[in-house]
Amino acid sequence: MSSETLKLEISWPASMAVPEGATINAQLWAGNASAGYNLIGELDASAAAGSSPATLEIAFSQEDLQSYDGKSTWDYFHTSPYLAHGNKRLNISYTEKISIADAKANGWKINLR
């Protein structure tokens, strides 16, 4: 099955201290408006957090957007991105969601709080 790539552009406030060598990390889930049910990929996706914004790219297929029983298709992506350095999280991660149609059409821009 063909693969697509979702690009998450993640920004953080200039006031947030981000040390050299930090990364931006996230897991991507597919689900409905209330919750994520299918983890896309097995581990956190990560990218260097040298400057804001940073971009994560996560590959997915149509199979990733199917429920486990294959009877329905999920319509939202969910994630909780966070900055990390030295095995410590630098921010509180909040759950973010977007419709899959919007994410495919416009990409996904997330601002950390």
C-alpha atoms as a PDB file:
ATOM      1  CA  MET A   1       0.000   0.000   0.000  1.00  0.00           C
ATOM      2  CA  SER A   2       1.320   3.454  -0.827  1.00  0.00           C
ATOM      3  CA  SER A   3       2.698   5.674   1.863  1.00  0.00           C
ATOM      4  CA  GLU A   4       2.039   9.351   2.529  1.00  0.00           C
ATOM      5  CA  THR A   5       3.998  11.721   4.741  1.00  0.00           C
ATOM      6  CA  LEU A   6       2.464  14.062   7.277  1.00  0.00           C
ATOM      7  CA  LYS A   7       4.560  17.107   8.125  1.00  0.00           C
ATOM      8  CA  LEU A   8       4.082  18.594  11.570  1.00  0.00           C
ATOM      9  CA  GLU A   9       5.522  22.085  11.950  1.00  0.00           C
ATOM     10  CA  ILE A  10       6.014  22.651  15.666  1.00  0.00           C
ATOM     11  CA  SER A  11       6.792  26.069  17.140  1.00  0.00           C
ATOM     12  CA  TRP A  12       7.551  27.140  20.690  1.00  0.00           C
ATOM     13  CA  PRO A  13       7.705  30.519  22.427  1.00  0.00           C
ATOM     14  CA  ALA A  14      10.974  32.471  22.182  1.00  0.00           C
ATOM     15  CA  SER A  15      10.879  32.683  25.984  1.00  0.00           C
ATOM     16  CA  MET A  16      11.235  28.885  26.275  1.00  0.00           C
ATOM     17  CA  ALA A  17      14.865  27.933  26.981  1.00  0.00           C
ATOM     18  CA  VAL A  18      15.833  25.182  24.536  1.00  0.00           C
ATOM     19  CA  PRO A  19      19.402  23.928  25.045  1.00  0.00           C
ATOM     20  CA  GLU A  20      21.646  22.887  22.174  1.00  0.00           C
ATOM     21  CA  GLY A  21      21.058  19.253  21.276  1.00  0.00           C
ATOM     22  CA  ALA A  22      17.359  19.290  22.228  1.00  0.00           C
ATOM     23  CA  THR A  23      14.824  17.415  20.122  1.00  0.00           C
ATOM     24  CA  ILE A  24      11.160  17.799  19.330  1.00  0.00           C
ATOM     25  CA  ASN A  25       9.286  14.507  19.746  1.00  0.00           C
ATOM     26  CA  ALA A  26       5.782  13.203  19.121  1.00  0.00           C
ATOM     27  CA  GLN A  27       3.752  10.063  18.576  1.00  0.00           C
ATOM     28  CA  LEU A  28       1.052  10.183  15.932  1.00  0.00           C
ATOM     29  CA  TRP A  29      -2.304   8.510  16.514  1.00  0.00           C
ATOM     30  CA  ALA A  30      -5.361   8.141  14.269  1.00  0.00           C
ATOM     31  CA  GLY A  31      -8.787   8.159  15.878  1.00  0.00           C
ATOM     32  CA  ASN A  32     -12.058  10.003  16.130  1.00  0.00           C
ATOM     33  CA  ALA A  33     -12.833  13.471  17.476  1.00  0.00           C
ATOM     34  CA  SER A  34     -12.601  12.232  21.087  1.00  0.00           C
ATOM     35  CA  ALA A  35      -9.601   9.900  21.197  1.00  0.00           C
ATOM     36  CA  GLY A  36      -6.725   8.345  19.282  1.00  0.00           C
ATOM     37  CA  TYR A  37      -6.906   4.597  18.732  1.00  0.00           C
ATOM     38  CA  ASN A  38      -4.209   3.549  16.215  1.00  0.00           C
ATOM     39  CA  LEU A  39      -0.585   4.430  16.857  1.00  0.00           C
ATOM     40  CA  ILE A  40       1.112   5.287  13.577  1.00  0.00           C
ATOM     41  CA  GLY A  41       4.663   3.983  13.768  1.00  0.00           C
ATOM     42  CA  GLU A  42       6.141   2.319  16.838  1.00  0.00           C
ATOM     43  CA  LEU A  43       8.257   5.000  18.483  1.00  0.00           C
ATOM     44  CA  ASP A  44       8.312   8.727  18.938  1.00  0.00           C
ATOM     45  CA  ALA A  45       9.219  10.605  15.800  1.00  0.00           C
ATOM     46  CA  SER A  46      11.916  13.164  16.559  1.00  0.00           C
ATOM     47  CA  ALA A  47      13.859  15.975  14.930  1.00  0.00           C
ATOM     48  CA  ALA A  48      16.503  18.423  16.069  1.00  0.00           C
ATOM     49  CA  ALA A  49      15.031  21.440  17.848  1.00  0.00           C
ATOM     50  CA  GLY A  50      17.750  23.861  16.806  1.00  0.00           C
ATOM     51  CA  SER A  51      15.293  26.647  16.090  1.00  0.00           C
ATOM     52  CA  SER A  52      11.563  27.237  16.108  1.00  0.00           C
ATOM     53  CA  PRO A  53       9.707  25.986  14.153  1.00  0.00           C
ATOM     54  CA  ALA A  54      10.984  22.431  13.703  1.00  0.00           C
ATOM     55  CA  THR A  55       9.406  19.932  11.325  1.00  0.00           C
ATOM     56  CA  LEU A  56       8.613  16.304  12.037  1.00  0.00           C
ATOM     57  CA  GLU A  57       7.778  14.017   9.133  1.00  0.00           C
ATOM     58  CA  ILE A  58       5.784  10.861   9.833  1.00  0.00           C
ATOM     59  CA  ALA A  59       4.949   8.305   7.129  1.00  0.00           C
ATOM     60  CA  PHE A  60       1.533   6.653   7.164  1.00  0.00           C
ATOM     61  CA  SER A  61      -0.647   4.537   4.892  1.00  0.00           C
ATOM     62  CA  GLN A  62      -4.390   4.166   4.448  1.00  0.00           C
ATOM     63  CA  GLU A  63      -4.158   0.991   6.563  1.00  0.00           C
ATOM     64  CA  ASP A  64      -3.004   3.148   9.497  1.00  0.00           C
ATOM     65  CA  LEU A  65      -6.279   5.068   9.233  1.00  0.00           C
ATOM     66  CA  GLN A  66      -8.464   1.942   9.584  1.00  0.00           C
ATOM     67  CA  SER A  67      -9.945   0.686  12.846  1.00  0.00           C
ATOM     68  CA  TYR A  68      -8.609  -2.620  14.138  1.00  0.00           C
ATOM     69  CA  ASP A  69     -11.687  -4.464  12.862  1.00  0.00           C
ATOM     70  CA  GLY A  70     -11.404  -2.700   9.484  1.00  0.00           C
ATOM     71  CA  LYS A  71     -15.029  -1.566   9.619  1.00  0.00           C
ATOM     72  CA  SER A  72     -14.409   2.149   9.975  1.00  0.00           C
ATOM     73  CA  THR A  73     -11.888   4.771   8.980  1.00  0.00           C
ATOM     74  CA  TRP A  74     -10.524   7.201  11.556  1.00  0.00           C
ATOM     75  CA  ASP A  75     -10.982  10.856  10.734  1.00  0.00           C
ATOM     76  CA  TYR A  76      -8.573  12.660  13.109  1.00  0.00           C
ATOM     77  CA  PHE A  77      -4.869  12.711  13.870  1.00  0.00           C
ATOM     78  CA  HIS A  78      -3.872  13.148  17.532  1.00  0.00           C
ATOM     79  CA  THR A  79      -0.443  13.963  18.990  1.00  0.00           C
ATOM     80  CA  SER A  80       1.199  15.416  22.113  1.00  0.00           C
ATOM     81  CA  PRO A  81       4.495  16.978  20.994  1.00  0.00           C
ATOM     82  CA  TYR A  82       7.224  17.812  23.475  1.00  0.00           C
ATOM     83  CA  LEU A  83      10.744  19.178  23.604  1.00  0.00           C
ATOM     84  CA  ALA A  84      13.354  16.968  25.248  1.00  0.00           C
ATOM     85  CA  HIS A  85      16.986  17.189  26.287  1.00  0.00           C
ATOM     86  CA  GLY A  86      19.034  14.771  28.365  1.00  0.00           C
ATOM     87  CA  ASN A  87      16.079  12.384  28.829  1.00  0.00           C
ATOM     88  CA  LYS A  88      13.985  15.202  30.342  1.00  0.00           C
ATOM     89  CA  ARG A  89      10.909  16.875  28.911  1.00  0.00           C
ATOM     90  CA  LEU A  90      11.236  20.635  28.653  1.00  0.00           C
ATOM     91  CA  ASN A  91       7.525  21.431  28.342  1.00  0.00           C
ATOM     92  CA  ILE A  92       4.175  20.021  29.361  1.00  0.00           C
ATOM     93  CA  SER A  93       2.752  18.188  26.353  1.00  0.00           C
ATOM     94  CA  TYR A  94      -0.860  18.895  25.508  1.00  0.00           C
ATOM     95  CA  THR A  95      -2.936  16.722  23.213  1.00  0.00           C
ATOM     96  CA  GLU A  96      -3.537  18.298  19.829  1.00  0.00           C
ATOM     97  CA  LYS A  97      -5.875  17.018  17.139  1.00  0.00           C
ATOM     98  CA  ILE A  98      -6.730  17.855  13.541  1.00  0.00           C
ATOM     99  CA  SER A  99      -8.989  16.277  10.961  1.00  0.00           C
ATOM    100  CA  ILE A 100      -7.047  14.027   8.630  1.00  0.00           C
ATOM    101  CA  ALA A 101      -8.551  15.837   5.628  1.00  0.00           C
ATOM    102  CA  ASP A 102      -7.295  19.226   6.922  1.00  0.00           C
ATOM    103  CA  ALA A 103      -3.858  17.825   7.743  1.00  0.00           C
ATOM    104  CA  LYS A 104      -3.492  16.343   4.264  1.00  0.00           C
ATOM    105  CA  ALA A 105      -4.690  19.518   2.574  1.00  0.00           C
ATOM    106  CA  ASN A 106      -2.884  22.136   4.652  1.00  0.00           C
ATOM    107  CA  GLY A 107      -0.229  20.408   6.759  1.00  0.00           C
ATOM    108  CA  TRP A 108      -0.285  20.712  10.529  1.00  0.00           C
ATOM    109  CA  LYS A 109       1.117  23.634  12.496  1.00  0.00           C
ATOM    110  CA  ILE A 110       1.274  23.257  16.272  1.00  0.00           C
ATOM    111  CA  ASN A 111       2.299  25.908  18.783  1.00  0.00           C
ATOM    112  CA  LEU A 112       3.661  24.595  22.078  1.00  0.00           C
ATOM    113  CA  ARG A 113       2.456  26.406  25.175  1.00  0.00           C
END
